[in-house]
Amino acid sequence: MSDDPPFLRDADQTRKNILEVALKEFAEYGLAGARVDRIARGTRTTKGMIYYHFGDKDGLYKAVLEKVYPSLRSDEEHLDVRNTDPVEALERIIDFTLDYHEKHEDFVRIVMIENINKGEHLRKTGIDSTVSYRIMMVIADILNRGMALGLFKREITPVDLHIFYTSFCFYRVGNHHTVSSVLGINMLSAQSCARHRRMVKDAVIAYLASSD
């Protein structure tokens, strides 16, 4: 039970509720198409209260970005692979990444929208490379242990490895609508998920194990 007074707890819950609804609104319509009145109707508050908490629509969008990026990294922190075999450790990180993107399509969409906007609004937040510091250190440790054991032979930076597996996990969610139309497969079906999970793991491990 929180020791905060009820009005503070209510304010925190109101902000949380607004951000949850706003994420879906921005993911669906983008910053330009999102409507604060629609967000207000989807929450237990008013348009005026949204402006009170976030200033304006740009401020609300910025707050959404400041919520979704750290949320991913926070969930990653539950992965404890420090004493795990390096191959298994990487496979567990890939499992987490693939599952996270599939379960959080709104996150994928908001990242796509922000890339369309050339990262303009993300640069105005307090988010920078430090948000990814822990996962980069975890990957670096796995790579070092894998090299020491002779399991990995390929030199690769933690950032490049992260891009390697994350790009596949992101693509299969971000592009599943168009791939369904032009290639006739459902990338989010259980069968596709199992196949893709094995593919990306095999590709990463084979790459790291090869010295060519």
N, C-alpha and C. Protein backbone atom coordinates (compact mmCIF):
# COMPACT_ATOMS: atom_id res chain seq x y z
N MET A 1 0.85 -1.20 0.00
CA MET A 1 0.00 0.00 0.00
C MET A 1 0.89 1.25 0.00
N SER A 2 0.59 2.19 -0.92
CA SER A 2 1.37 3.42 -0.99
C SER A 2 1.06 4.33 0.18
N ASP A 3 2.09 5.04 0.66
CA ASP A 3 1.89 6.03 1.73
C ASP A 3 1.50 7.39 1.19
N ASP A 4 1.45 7.54 -0.15
CA ASP A 4 1.06 8.81 -0.73
C ASP A 4 -0.38 9.13 -0.39
N PRO A 5 -0.72 10.41 -0.22
CA PRO A 5 -2.11 10.79 0.02
C PRO A 5 -2.98 10.43 -1.17
N PRO A 6 -4.30 10.23 -0.96
CA PRO A 6 -5.19 9.77 -2.04
C PRO A 6 -5.16 10.65 -3.28
N PHE A 7 -5.07 11.98 -3.12
CA PHE A 7 -5.12 12.84 -4.30
C PHE A 7 -3.90 12.64 -5.19
N LEU A 8 -2.74 12.30 -4.56
CA LEU A 8 -1.54 12.02 -5.37
C LEU A 8 -1.66 10.69 -6.07
N ARG A 9 -2.21 9.69 -5.36
CA ARG A 9 -2.41 8.38 -5.99
C ARG A 9 -3.39 8.51 -7.16
N ASP A 10 -4.44 9.30 -6.97
CA ASP A 10 -5.42 9.50 -8.04
C ASP A 10 -4.78 10.20 -9.23
N ALA A 11 -3.90 11.18 -8.98
CA ALA A 11 -3.23 11.90 -10.06
C ALA A 11 -2.31 10.96 -10.83
N ASP A 12 -1.58 10.10 -10.11
CA ASP A 12 -0.70 9.15 -10.77
C ASP A 12 -1.49 8.17 -11.64
N GLN A 13 -2.62 7.71 -11.10
CA GLN A 13 -3.45 6.78 -11.86
C GLN A 13 -4.05 7.45 -13.08
N THR A 14 -4.42 8.73 -12.93
CA THR A 14 -4.96 9.47 -14.07
C THR A 14 -3.92 9.60 -15.17
N ARG A 15 -2.70 9.96 -14.82
CA ARG A 15 -1.62 10.06 -15.80
C ARG A 15 -1.38 8.72 -16.49
N LYS A 16 -1.34 7.66 -15.71
CA LYS A 16 -1.11 6.32 -16.27
C LYS A 16 -2.20 5.96 -17.25
N ASN A 17 -3.44 6.23 -16.88
CA ASN A 17 -4.57 5.92 -17.74
C ASN A 17 -4.52 6.72 -19.04
N ILE A 18 -4.19 8.01 -18.93
CA ILE A 18 -4.09 8.86 -20.11
C ILE A 18 -2.99 8.35 -21.05
N LEU A 19 -1.83 7.99 -20.49
CA LEU A 19 -0.72 7.53 -21.32
C LEU A 19 -1.05 6.21 -22.03
N GLU A 20 -1.77 5.33 -21.36
CA GLU A 20 -2.14 4.05 -21.98
C GLU A 20 -3.06 4.29 -23.17
N VAL A 21 -4.05 5.15 -23.00
CA VAL A 21 -4.98 5.43 -24.10
C VAL A 21 -4.28 6.23 -25.19
N ALA A 22 -3.42 7.16 -24.80
CA ALA A 22 -2.71 7.99 -25.78
C ALA A 22 -1.77 7.14 -26.64
N LEU A 23 -1.13 6.15 -26.05
CA LEU A 23 -0.26 5.26 -26.83
C LEU A 23 -1.04 4.61 -27.96
N LYS A 24 -2.21 4.10 -27.66
CA LYS A 24 -3.03 3.46 -28.70
C LYS A 24 -3.47 4.46 -29.75
N GLU A 25 -3.82 5.67 -29.32
CA GLU A 25 -4.25 6.72 -30.25
C GLU A 25 -3.11 7.12 -31.18
N PHE A 26 -1.94 7.38 -30.63
CA PHE A 26 -0.80 7.78 -31.46
C PHE A 26 -0.34 6.64 -32.36
N ALA A 27 -0.38 5.41 -31.84
CA ALA A 27 0.03 4.26 -32.65
C ALA A 27 -0.92 4.05 -33.83
N GLU A 28 -2.18 4.40 -33.63
CA GLU A 28 -3.18 4.22 -34.69
C GLU A 28 -3.18 5.36 -35.69
N TYR A 29 -3.03 6.59 -35.23
CA TYR A 29 -3.22 7.75 -36.11
C TYR A 29 -1.97 8.61 -36.30
N GLY A 30 -0.90 8.34 -35.57
CA GLY A 30 0.27 9.19 -35.64
C GLY A 30 0.04 10.48 -34.87
N LEU A 31 1.07 11.29 -34.77
CA LEU A 31 0.95 12.54 -34.04
C LEU A 31 -0.02 13.49 -34.71
N ALA A 32 0.07 13.62 -36.03
CA ALA A 32 -0.78 14.58 -36.74
C ALA A 32 -2.25 14.18 -36.67
N GLY A 33 -2.53 12.88 -36.79
CA GLY A 33 -3.92 12.44 -36.85
C GLY A 33 -4.56 12.17 -35.51
N ALA A 34 -3.77 12.09 -34.46
CA ALA A 34 -4.32 11.82 -33.12
C ALA A 34 -5.17 12.99 -32.65
N ARG A 35 -6.20 12.69 -31.88
CA ARG A 35 -7.10 13.71 -31.37
C ARG A 35 -7.19 13.61 -29.85
N VAL A 36 -6.93 14.73 -29.19
CA VAL A 36 -6.96 14.76 -27.73
C VAL A 36 -8.37 14.49 -27.22
N ASP A 37 -9.39 14.94 -27.95
CA ASP A 37 -10.76 14.69 -27.48
C ASP A 37 -11.10 13.20 -27.52
N ARG A 38 -10.54 12.46 -28.49
CA ARG A 38 -10.75 11.01 -28.53
C ARG A 38 -10.05 10.35 -27.34
N ILE A 39 -8.85 10.84 -27.02
CA ILE A 39 -8.13 10.30 -25.87
C ILE A 39 -8.91 10.57 -24.59
N ALA A 40 -9.46 11.76 -24.47
CA ALA A 40 -10.24 12.12 -23.28
C ALA A 40 -11.45 11.20 -23.14
N ARG A 41 -12.12 10.89 -24.27
CA ARG A 41 -13.29 10.02 -24.21
C ARG A 41 -12.91 8.60 -23.78
N GLY A 42 -11.69 8.21 -24.08
CA GLY A 42 -11.25 6.87 -23.72
C GLY A 42 -10.68 6.76 -22.33
N THR A 43 -10.64 7.87 -21.60
CA THR A 43 -10.10 7.88 -20.24
C THR A 43 -11.18 8.32 -19.27
N ARG A 44 -10.81 8.34 -18.01
CA ARG A 44 -11.75 8.80 -16.98
C ARG A 44 -11.50 10.26 -16.63
N THR A 45 -11.15 11.03 -17.63
CA THR A 45 -10.82 12.42 -17.37
C THR A 45 -11.34 13.31 -18.49
N THR A 46 -10.89 14.56 -18.52
CA THR A 46 -11.37 15.52 -19.50
C THR A 46 -10.20 16.00 -20.35
N LYS A 47 -10.54 16.64 -21.46
CA LYS A 47 -9.52 17.22 -22.33
C LYS A 47 -8.69 18.25 -21.56
N GLY A 48 -9.37 19.05 -20.73
CA GLY A 48 -8.67 20.06 -19.93
C GLY A 48 -7.68 19.43 -18.97
N MET A 49 -8.06 18.28 -18.40
CA MET A 49 -7.17 17.61 -17.46
C MET A 49 -5.94 17.06 -18.17
N ILE A 50 -6.12 16.61 -19.42
CA ILE A 50 -4.98 16.13 -20.21
C ILE A 50 -4.00 17.27 -20.44
N TYR A 51 -4.52 18.43 -20.79
CA TYR A 51 -3.65 19.59 -21.00
C TYR A 51 -2.99 20.02 -19.69
N TYR A 52 -3.71 19.85 -18.57
CA TYR A 52 -3.14 20.20 -17.27
C TYR A 52 -1.92 19.33 -16.99
N HIS A 53 -2.01 18.05 -17.28
CA HIS A 53 -0.92 17.12 -16.97
C HIS A 53 0.22 17.20 -17.99
N PHE A 54 -0.10 17.45 -19.27
CA PHE A 54 0.90 17.29 -20.32
C PHE A 54 1.14 18.55 -21.17
N GLY A 55 0.40 19.60 -20.93
CA GLY A 55 0.63 20.86 -21.64
C GLY A 55 -0.11 20.97 -22.95
N ASP A 56 0.19 20.10 -23.90
CA ASP A 56 -0.48 20.09 -25.20
C ASP A 56 -0.29 18.71 -25.82
N LYS A 57 -0.75 18.56 -27.07
CA LYS A 57 -0.67 17.24 -27.71
C LYS A 57 0.77 16.81 -27.91
N ASP A 58 1.65 17.76 -28.27
CA ASP A 58 3.06 17.42 -28.43
C ASP A 58 3.66 16.94 -27.10
N GLY A 59 3.28 17.59 -26.02
CA GLY A 59 3.77 17.19 -24.70
C GLY A 59 3.28 15.79 -24.31
N LEU A 60 2.05 15.48 -24.69
CA LEU A 60 1.51 14.15 -24.42
C LEU A 60 2.24 13.09 -25.24
N TYR A 61 2.51 13.39 -26.51
CA TYR A 61 3.24 12.46 -27.37
C TYR A 61 4.65 12.22 -26.83
N LYS A 62 5.29 13.29 -26.39
CA LYS A 62 6.63 13.19 -25.80
C LYS A 62 6.58 12.30 -24.56
N ALA A 63 5.56 12.45 -23.74
CA ALA A 63 5.43 11.63 -22.53
C ALA A 63 5.22 10.16 -22.87
N VAL A 64 4.51 9.90 -23.95
CA VAL A 64 4.31 8.51 -24.40
C VAL A 64 5.65 7.90 -24.80
N LEU A 65 6.45 8.66 -25.56
CA LEU A 65 7.78 8.17 -25.94
C LEU A 65 8.63 7.90 -24.71
N GLU A 66 8.54 8.79 -23.73
CA GLU A 66 9.34 8.64 -22.51
C GLU A 66 8.87 7.46 -21.66
N LYS A 67 7.69 6.96 -21.96
CA LYS A 67 7.17 5.79 -21.24
C LYS A 67 7.54 4.49 -21.94
N VAL A 68 7.39 4.43 -23.28
CA VAL A 68 7.50 3.14 -23.96
C VAL A 68 8.94 2.65 -24.09
N TYR A 69 9.88 3.55 -24.32
CA TYR A 69 11.27 3.10 -24.46
C TYR A 69 11.82 2.54 -23.15
N PRO A 70 11.72 3.26 -22.04
CA PRO A 70 12.21 2.68 -20.78
C PRO A 70 11.45 1.43 -20.35
N SER A 71 10.16 1.31 -20.73
CA SER A 71 9.38 0.13 -20.35
C SER A 71 9.99 -1.13 -20.93
N LEU A 72 10.43 -1.07 -22.20
CA LEU A 72 11.10 -2.21 -22.82
C LEU A 72 12.35 -2.57 -22.03
N ARG A 73 13.19 -1.59 -21.75
CA ARG A 73 14.44 -1.86 -21.05
C ARG A 73 14.19 -2.34 -19.62
N SER A 74 13.13 -1.84 -19.00
CA SER A 74 12.80 -2.28 -17.64
C SER A 74 12.42 -3.76 -17.64
N ASP A 75 11.64 -4.18 -18.62
CA ASP A 75 11.25 -5.59 -18.71
C ASP A 75 12.47 -6.48 -19.00
N GLU A 76 13.42 -5.95 -19.78
CA GLU A 76 14.64 -6.71 -20.07
C GLU A 76 15.43 -7.02 -18.80
N GLU A 77 15.32 -6.15 -17.81
CA GLU A 77 16.12 -6.32 -16.60
C GLU A 77 15.73 -7.56 -15.81
N HIS A 78 14.55 -8.13 -16.11
CA HIS A 78 14.14 -9.36 -15.44
C HIS A 78 14.87 -10.57 -16.01
N LEU A 79 15.57 -10.38 -17.13
CA LEU A 79 16.35 -11.46 -17.72
C LEU A 79 17.69 -11.56 -17.01
N ASP A 80 17.87 -12.61 -16.24
CA ASP A 80 19.15 -12.81 -15.56
C ASP A 80 19.89 -13.95 -16.26
N VAL A 81 20.85 -13.59 -17.10
CA VAL A 81 21.58 -14.60 -17.87
C VAL A 81 23.07 -14.57 -17.55
N ARG A 82 23.42 -14.00 -16.42
CA ARG A 82 24.83 -13.81 -16.08
C ARG A 82 25.59 -15.13 -15.95
N ASN A 83 24.93 -16.15 -15.40
CA ASN A 83 25.61 -17.43 -15.19
C ASN A 83 25.09 -18.51 -16.13
N THR A 84 24.54 -18.06 -17.25
CA THR A 84 23.96 -18.98 -18.23
C THR A 84 24.94 -19.21 -19.37
N ASP A 85 24.94 -20.43 -19.91
CA ASP A 85 25.74 -20.73 -21.09
C ASP A 85 25.53 -19.65 -22.14
N PRO A 86 26.61 -19.15 -22.78
CA PRO A 86 26.47 -18.02 -23.71
C PRO A 86 25.46 -18.25 -24.84
N VAL A 87 25.43 -19.44 -25.40
CA VAL A 87 24.46 -19.71 -26.48
C VAL A 87 23.03 -19.65 -25.93
N GLU A 88 22.81 -20.30 -24.80
CA GLU A 88 21.48 -20.27 -24.18
C GLU A 88 21.10 -18.86 -23.77
N ALA A 89 22.06 -18.10 -23.28
CA ALA A 89 21.79 -16.73 -22.86
C ALA A 89 21.31 -15.88 -24.04
N LEU A 90 21.99 -16.01 -25.19
CA LEU A 90 21.56 -15.26 -26.37
C LEU A 90 20.18 -15.72 -26.84
N GLU A 91 19.94 -17.01 -26.79
CA GLU A 91 18.63 -17.52 -27.21
C GLU A 91 17.52 -16.99 -26.31
N ARG A 92 17.79 -16.85 -25.03
CA ARG A 92 16.79 -16.31 -24.11
C ARG A 92 16.52 -14.83 -24.39
N ILE A 93 17.56 -14.09 -24.73
CA ILE A 93 17.37 -12.68 -25.09
C ILE A 93 16.57 -12.55 -26.38
N ILE A 94 16.86 -13.41 -27.35
CA ILE A 94 16.11 -13.39 -28.61
C ILE A 94 14.66 -13.76 -28.36
N ASP A 95 14.42 -14.78 -27.53
CA ASP A 95 13.04 -15.15 -27.18
C ASP A 95 12.30 -13.95 -26.59
N PHE A 96 12.94 -13.28 -25.63
CA PHE A 96 12.32 -12.12 -25.00
C PHE A 96 11.99 -11.04 -26.03
N THR A 97 12.95 -10.75 -26.91
CA THR A 97 12.78 -9.67 -27.88
C THR A 97 11.67 -9.98 -28.87
N LEU A 98 11.65 -11.21 -29.36
CA LEU A 98 10.59 -11.60 -30.31
C LEU A 98 9.23 -11.52 -29.63
N ASP A 99 9.12 -12.06 -28.43
CA ASP A 99 7.84 -12.05 -27.71
C ASP A 99 7.40 -10.64 -27.36
N TYR A 100 8.35 -9.79 -26.94
CA TYR A 100 8.00 -8.43 -26.55
C TYR A 100 7.41 -7.66 -27.72
N HIS A 101 8.04 -7.74 -28.87
CA HIS A 101 7.54 -7.02 -30.03
C HIS A 101 6.17 -7.53 -30.45
N GLU A 102 5.98 -8.85 -30.40
CA GLU A 102 4.68 -9.39 -30.80
C GLU A 102 3.58 -8.99 -29.83
N LYS A 103 3.90 -8.90 -28.54
CA LYS A 103 2.89 -8.55 -27.54
C LYS A 103 2.66 -7.06 -27.43
N HIS A 104 3.55 -6.26 -28.00
CA HIS A 104 3.46 -4.80 -27.88
C HIS A 104 3.49 -4.16 -29.26
N GLU A 105 2.49 -4.47 -30.07
CA GLU A 105 2.45 -3.92 -31.43
C GLU A 105 2.35 -2.39 -31.41
N ASP A 106 1.70 -1.84 -30.40
CA ASP A 106 1.62 -0.38 -30.31
C ASP A 106 3.01 0.24 -30.16
N PHE A 107 3.89 -0.44 -29.44
CA PHE A 107 5.27 0.02 -29.32
C PHE A 107 5.95 0.03 -30.69
N VAL A 108 5.79 -1.05 -31.43
CA VAL A 108 6.38 -1.13 -32.77
C VAL A 108 5.87 -0.01 -33.65
N ARG A 109 4.57 0.23 -33.60
CA ARG A 109 3.96 1.26 -34.46
C ARG A 109 4.44 2.66 -34.07
N ILE A 110 4.57 2.93 -32.78
CA ILE A 110 4.99 4.26 -32.36
C ILE A 110 6.45 4.50 -32.75
N VAL A 111 7.27 3.45 -32.72
CA VAL A 111 8.66 3.57 -33.18
C VAL A 111 8.70 3.84 -34.68
N MET A 112 7.85 3.16 -35.43
CA MET A 112 7.78 3.39 -36.88
C MET A 112 7.36 4.84 -37.17
N ILE A 113 6.38 5.32 -36.43
CA ILE A 113 5.90 6.69 -36.62
C ILE A 113 7.01 7.69 -36.29
N GLU A 114 7.74 7.44 -35.22
CA GLU A 114 8.81 8.35 -34.84
C GLU A 114 9.94 8.34 -35.87
N ASN A 115 10.17 7.19 -36.51
CA ASN A 115 11.16 7.14 -37.58
C ASN A 115 10.68 7.90 -38.81
N ILE A 116 9.39 7.84 -39.09
CA ILE A 116 8.84 8.65 -40.19
C ILE A 116 9.10 10.13 -39.91
N ASN A 117 9.02 10.51 -38.64
CA ASN A 117 9.28 11.89 -38.23
C ASN A 117 10.77 12.17 -37.99
N LYS A 118 11.63 11.22 -38.44
CA LYS A 118 13.10 11.36 -38.35
C LYS A 118 13.60 11.53 -36.92
N GLY A 119 12.87 10.94 -35.98
CA GLY A 119 13.29 10.99 -34.58
C GLY A 119 13.20 12.36 -33.96
N GLU A 120 12.46 13.26 -34.60
CA GLU A 120 12.42 14.66 -34.16
C GLU A 120 11.96 14.81 -32.71
N HIS A 121 10.90 14.09 -32.34
CA HIS A 121 10.34 14.25 -31.00
C HIS A 121 11.12 13.46 -29.96
N LEU A 122 11.68 12.33 -30.37
CA LEU A 122 12.48 11.54 -29.43
C LEU A 122 13.70 12.33 -28.97
N ARG A 123 14.26 13.11 -29.88
CA ARG A 123 15.43 13.92 -29.51
C ARG A 123 15.10 14.99 -28.48
N LYS A 124 13.83 15.33 -28.35
CA LYS A 124 13.42 16.35 -27.38
C LYS A 124 13.13 15.76 -26.01
N THR A 125 13.21 14.43 -25.91
CA THR A 125 13.00 13.77 -24.62
C THR A 125 14.35 13.63 -23.91
N GLY A 126 14.32 13.05 -22.73
CA GLY A 126 15.56 12.78 -22.01
C GLY A 126 16.15 11.43 -22.37
N ILE A 127 15.60 10.77 -23.40
CA ILE A 127 16.04 9.43 -23.76
C ILE A 127 17.25 9.50 -24.68
N ASP A 128 18.32 8.79 -24.30
CA ASP A 128 19.49 8.70 -25.16
C ASP A 128 20.06 7.29 -25.03
N SER A 129 21.30 7.11 -25.45
CA SER A 129 21.87 5.76 -25.48
C SER A 129 22.01 5.14 -24.09
N THR A 130 21.95 5.95 -23.04
CA THR A 130 22.09 5.38 -21.70
C THR A 130 20.92 4.46 -21.35
N VAL A 131 19.78 4.63 -22.02
CA VAL A 131 18.63 3.78 -21.74
C VAL A 131 18.93 2.32 -22.10
N SER A 132 19.87 2.13 -23.03
CA SER A 132 20.22 0.77 -23.47
C SER A 132 21.53 0.28 -22.87
N TYR A 133 22.07 1.01 -21.91
CA TYR A 133 23.39 0.67 -21.37
C TYR A 133 23.41 -0.74 -20.78
N ARG A 134 22.41 -1.10 -19.99
CA ARG A 134 22.46 -2.39 -19.31
C ARG A 134 22.43 -3.55 -20.31
N ILE A 135 21.52 -3.51 -21.28
CA ILE A 135 21.43 -4.63 -22.21
C ILE A 135 22.70 -4.72 -23.05
N MET A 136 23.33 -3.59 -23.36
CA MET A 136 24.59 -3.64 -24.10
C MET A 136 25.69 -4.30 -23.26
N MET A 137 25.70 -4.02 -21.95
CA MET A 137 26.68 -4.64 -21.07
C MET A 137 26.42 -6.14 -20.93
N VAL A 138 25.16 -6.52 -20.89
CA VAL A 138 24.80 -7.94 -20.81
C VAL A 138 25.27 -8.67 -22.07
N ILE A 139 25.03 -8.08 -23.24
CA ILE A 139 25.44 -8.70 -24.50
C ILE A 139 26.96 -8.77 -24.58
N ALA A 140 27.64 -7.71 -24.15
CA ALA A 140 29.10 -7.70 -24.17
C ALA A 140 29.66 -8.84 -23.32
N ASP A 141 29.06 -9.04 -22.16
CA ASP A 141 29.51 -10.13 -21.28
C ASP A 141 29.29 -11.49 -21.93
N ILE A 142 28.15 -11.67 -22.58
CA ILE A 142 27.87 -12.94 -23.26
C ILE A 142 28.88 -13.19 -24.38
N LEU A 143 29.15 -12.15 -25.15
CA LEU A 143 30.13 -12.29 -26.24
C LEU A 143 31.51 -12.62 -25.70
N ASN A 144 31.93 -11.96 -24.65
CA ASN A 144 33.25 -12.21 -24.07
C ASN A 144 33.35 -13.64 -23.53
N ARG A 145 32.30 -14.10 -22.86
CA ARG A 145 32.32 -15.46 -22.33
C ARG A 145 32.29 -16.49 -23.46
N GLY A 146 31.50 -16.20 -24.52
CA GLY A 146 31.45 -17.11 -25.65
C GLY A 146 32.79 -17.21 -26.37
N MET A 147 33.49 -16.08 -26.50
CA MET A 147 34.82 -16.08 -27.12
C MET A 147 35.81 -16.86 -26.27
N ALA A 148 35.77 -16.65 -24.97
CA ALA A 148 36.70 -17.33 -24.06
C ALA A 148 36.51 -18.84 -24.09
N LEU A 149 35.28 -19.28 -24.30
CA LEU A 149 34.99 -20.72 -24.34
C LEU A 149 35.18 -21.31 -25.73
N GLY A 150 35.48 -20.47 -26.70
CA GLY A 150 35.66 -20.95 -28.07
C GLY A 150 34.36 -21.21 -28.81
N LEU A 151 33.24 -20.78 -28.23
CA LEU A 151 31.94 -20.97 -28.88
C LEU A 151 31.72 -19.94 -29.98
N PHE A 152 32.22 -18.73 -29.77
CA PHE A 152 32.09 -17.64 -30.73
C PHE A 152 33.48 -17.29 -31.27
N LYS A 153 33.54 -17.08 -32.55
CA LYS A 153 34.79 -16.71 -33.19
C LYS A 153 34.71 -15.36 -33.90
N ARG A 154 33.51 -14.93 -34.17
CA ARG A 154 33.29 -13.70 -34.94
C ARG A 154 33.36 -12.48 -34.02
N GLU A 155 34.14 -11.49 -34.41
CA GLU A 155 34.17 -10.22 -33.68
C GLU A 155 32.96 -9.39 -34.10
N ILE A 156 32.19 -8.94 -33.12
CA ILE A 156 31.02 -8.11 -33.40
C ILE A 156 30.76 -7.24 -32.18
N THR A 157 30.32 -6.04 -32.41
CA THR A 157 30.01 -5.16 -31.28
C THR A 157 28.65 -5.53 -30.70
N PRO A 158 28.42 -5.28 -29.42
CA PRO A 158 27.11 -5.53 -28.82
C PRO A 158 25.99 -4.79 -29.56
N VAL A 159 26.26 -3.57 -30.01
CA VAL A 159 25.24 -2.80 -30.72
C VAL A 159 24.86 -3.48 -32.03
N ASP A 160 25.87 -3.93 -32.80
CA ASP A 160 25.57 -4.59 -34.07
C ASP A 160 24.82 -5.89 -33.86
N LEU A 161 25.18 -6.63 -32.82
CA LEU A 161 24.47 -7.88 -32.55
C LEU A 161 23.02 -7.59 -32.15
N HIS A 162 22.84 -6.56 -31.34
CA HIS A 162 21.48 -6.16 -30.94
C HIS A 162 20.64 -5.79 -32.17
N ILE A 163 21.23 -5.05 -33.09
CA ILE A 163 20.53 -4.67 -34.32
C ILE A 163 20.20 -5.91 -35.14
N PHE A 164 21.13 -6.86 -35.19
CA PHE A 164 20.98 -8.10 -35.96
C PHE A 164 19.68 -8.81 -35.58
N TYR A 165 19.53 -9.16 -34.31
CA TYR A 165 18.34 -9.95 -33.93
C TYR A 165 17.09 -9.10 -33.77
N THR A 166 17.25 -7.86 -33.31
CA THR A 166 16.07 -7.01 -33.10
C THR A 166 15.41 -6.65 -34.43
N SER A 167 16.20 -6.45 -35.48
CA SER A 167 15.62 -6.05 -36.77
C SER A 167 14.64 -7.09 -37.28
N PHE A 168 14.97 -8.37 -37.10
CA PHE A 168 14.06 -9.43 -37.54
C PHE A 168 12.79 -9.42 -36.69
N CYS A 169 12.96 -9.31 -35.38
CA CYS A 169 11.81 -9.31 -34.48
C CYS A 169 10.88 -8.13 -34.75
N PHE A 170 11.47 -6.98 -35.05
CA PHE A 170 10.70 -5.77 -35.34
C PHE A 170 9.97 -5.89 -36.68
N TYR A 171 10.68 -6.38 -37.69
CA TYR A 171 10.12 -6.45 -39.04
C TYR A 171 8.88 -7.33 -39.09
N ARG A 172 8.92 -8.46 -38.42
CA ARG A 172 7.82 -9.41 -38.55
C ARG A 172 6.53 -8.85 -37.94
N VAL A 173 6.64 -7.91 -37.02
CA VAL A 173 5.45 -7.27 -36.45
C VAL A 173 5.10 -6.01 -37.25
N GLY A 174 6.10 -5.18 -37.52
CA GLY A 174 5.85 -3.92 -38.20
C GLY A 174 5.37 -4.07 -39.63
N ASN A 175 5.71 -5.19 -40.28
CA ASN A 175 5.38 -5.36 -41.70
C ASN A 175 4.40 -6.50 -41.95
N HIS A 176 3.79 -7.02 -40.90
CA HIS A 176 2.97 -8.23 -41.12
C HIS A 176 1.75 -7.97 -41.99
N HIS A 177 1.21 -6.75 -41.98
CA HIS A 177 0.04 -6.47 -42.83
C HIS A 177 0.42 -6.50 -44.31
N THR A 178 1.51 -5.85 -44.67
CA THR A 178 1.90 -5.81 -46.09
C THR A 178 2.44 -7.16 -46.55
N VAL A 179 3.18 -7.85 -45.69
CA VAL A 179 3.69 -9.18 -46.06
C VAL A 179 2.53 -10.13 -46.30
N SER A 180 1.50 -10.02 -45.50
CA SER A 180 0.31 -10.86 -45.69
C SER A 180 -0.29 -10.66 -47.08
N SER A 181 -0.29 -9.41 -47.55
CA SER A 181 -0.88 -9.11 -48.86
C SER A 181 0.02 -9.55 -50.01
N VAL A 182 1.31 -9.26 -49.92
CA VAL A 182 2.19 -9.48 -51.08
C VAL A 182 2.84 -10.86 -51.10
N LEU A 183 2.92 -11.52 -49.93
CA LEU A 183 3.53 -12.85 -49.90
C LEU A 183 2.56 -13.94 -49.45
N GLY A 184 1.40 -13.53 -48.96
CA GLY A 184 0.36 -14.51 -48.63
C GLY A 184 0.64 -15.34 -47.39
N ILE A 185 1.41 -14.81 -46.42
CA ILE A 185 1.63 -15.56 -45.17
C ILE A 185 1.28 -14.67 -43.99
N ASN A 186 0.87 -15.33 -42.93
CA ASN A 186 0.60 -14.63 -41.68
C ASN A 186 1.83 -14.77 -40.79
N MET A 187 2.62 -13.71 -40.71
CA MET A 187 3.86 -13.79 -39.94
C MET A 187 3.63 -13.91 -38.44
N LEU A 188 2.40 -13.63 -37.99
CA LEU A 188 2.12 -13.67 -36.56
C LEU A 188 1.38 -14.93 -36.14
N SER A 189 1.23 -15.88 -37.06
CA SER A 189 0.60 -17.15 -36.68
C SER A 189 1.55 -17.93 -35.78
N ALA A 190 1.01 -18.88 -35.04
CA ALA A 190 1.84 -19.69 -34.14
C ALA A 190 2.90 -20.45 -34.92
N GLN A 191 2.54 -20.95 -36.10
CA GLN A 191 3.50 -21.70 -36.91
C GLN A 191 4.63 -20.80 -37.39
N SER A 192 4.27 -19.61 -37.88
CA SER A 192 5.30 -18.68 -38.35
C SER A 192 6.19 -18.24 -37.20
N CYS A 193 5.59 -18.00 -36.05
CA CYS A 193 6.35 -17.55 -34.88
C CYS A 193 7.41 -18.59 -34.50
N ALA A 194 7.01 -19.85 -34.43
CA ALA A 194 7.94 -20.92 -34.06
C ALA A 194 9.07 -21.04 -35.09
N ARG A 195 8.71 -20.93 -36.37
CA ARG A 195 9.72 -21.03 -37.43
C ARG A 195 10.68 -19.85 -37.39
N HIS A 196 10.16 -18.65 -37.23
CA HIS A 196 11.00 -17.45 -37.19
C HIS A 196 11.88 -17.43 -35.95
N ARG A 197 11.35 -17.90 -34.84
CA ARG A 197 12.12 -17.95 -33.60
C ARG A 197 13.38 -18.80 -33.81
N ARG A 198 13.20 -19.98 -34.45
CA ARG A 198 14.33 -20.87 -34.70
C ARG A 198 15.28 -20.27 -35.72
N MET A 199 14.72 -19.63 -36.74
CA MET A 199 15.54 -19.03 -37.80
C MET A 199 16.49 -17.98 -37.26
N VAL A 200 15.97 -17.06 -36.47
CA VAL A 200 16.82 -15.95 -36.01
C VAL A 200 17.86 -16.45 -35.02
N LYS A 201 17.49 -17.41 -34.17
CA LYS A 201 18.48 -17.99 -33.26
C LYS A 201 19.59 -18.68 -34.04
N ASP A 202 19.21 -19.53 -35.00
CA ASP A 202 20.21 -20.26 -35.78
C ASP A 202 21.12 -19.30 -36.54
N ALA A 203 20.52 -18.23 -37.10
CA ALA A 203 21.31 -17.29 -37.89
C ALA A 203 22.33 -16.56 -37.01
N VAL A 204 21.90 -16.13 -35.83
CA VAL A 204 22.80 -15.41 -34.93
C VAL A 204 23.94 -16.31 -34.44
N ILE A 205 23.58 -17.51 -33.99
CA ILE A 205 24.60 -18.42 -33.45
C ILE A 205 25.57 -18.87 -34.54
N ALA A 206 25.05 -19.17 -35.73
CA ALA A 206 25.92 -19.59 -36.83
C ALA A 206 26.88 -18.46 -37.22
N TYR A 207 26.39 -17.25 -37.24
CA TYR A 207 27.24 -16.09 -37.57
C TYR A 207 28.36 -15.93 -36.56
N LEU A 208 28.00 -16.03 -35.29
CA LEU A 208 29.00 -15.84 -34.23
C LEU A 208 30.02 -16.98 -34.21
N ALA A 209 29.59 -18.18 -34.57
CA ALA A 209 30.47 -19.34 -34.53
C ALA A 209 31.43 -19.40 -35.70
N SER A 210 31.15 -18.63 -36.75
CA SER A 210 31.99 -18.67 -37.96
C SER A 210 33.05 -17.58 -37.88
N SER A 211 34.24 -17.92 -38.35
CA SER A 211 35.31 -16.92 -38.35
C SER A 211 35.51 -16.32 -39.74
N ASP A 212 34.78 -16.80 -40.74
CA ASP A 212 34.91 -16.28 -42.11
C ASP A 212 34.12 -15.01 -42.31
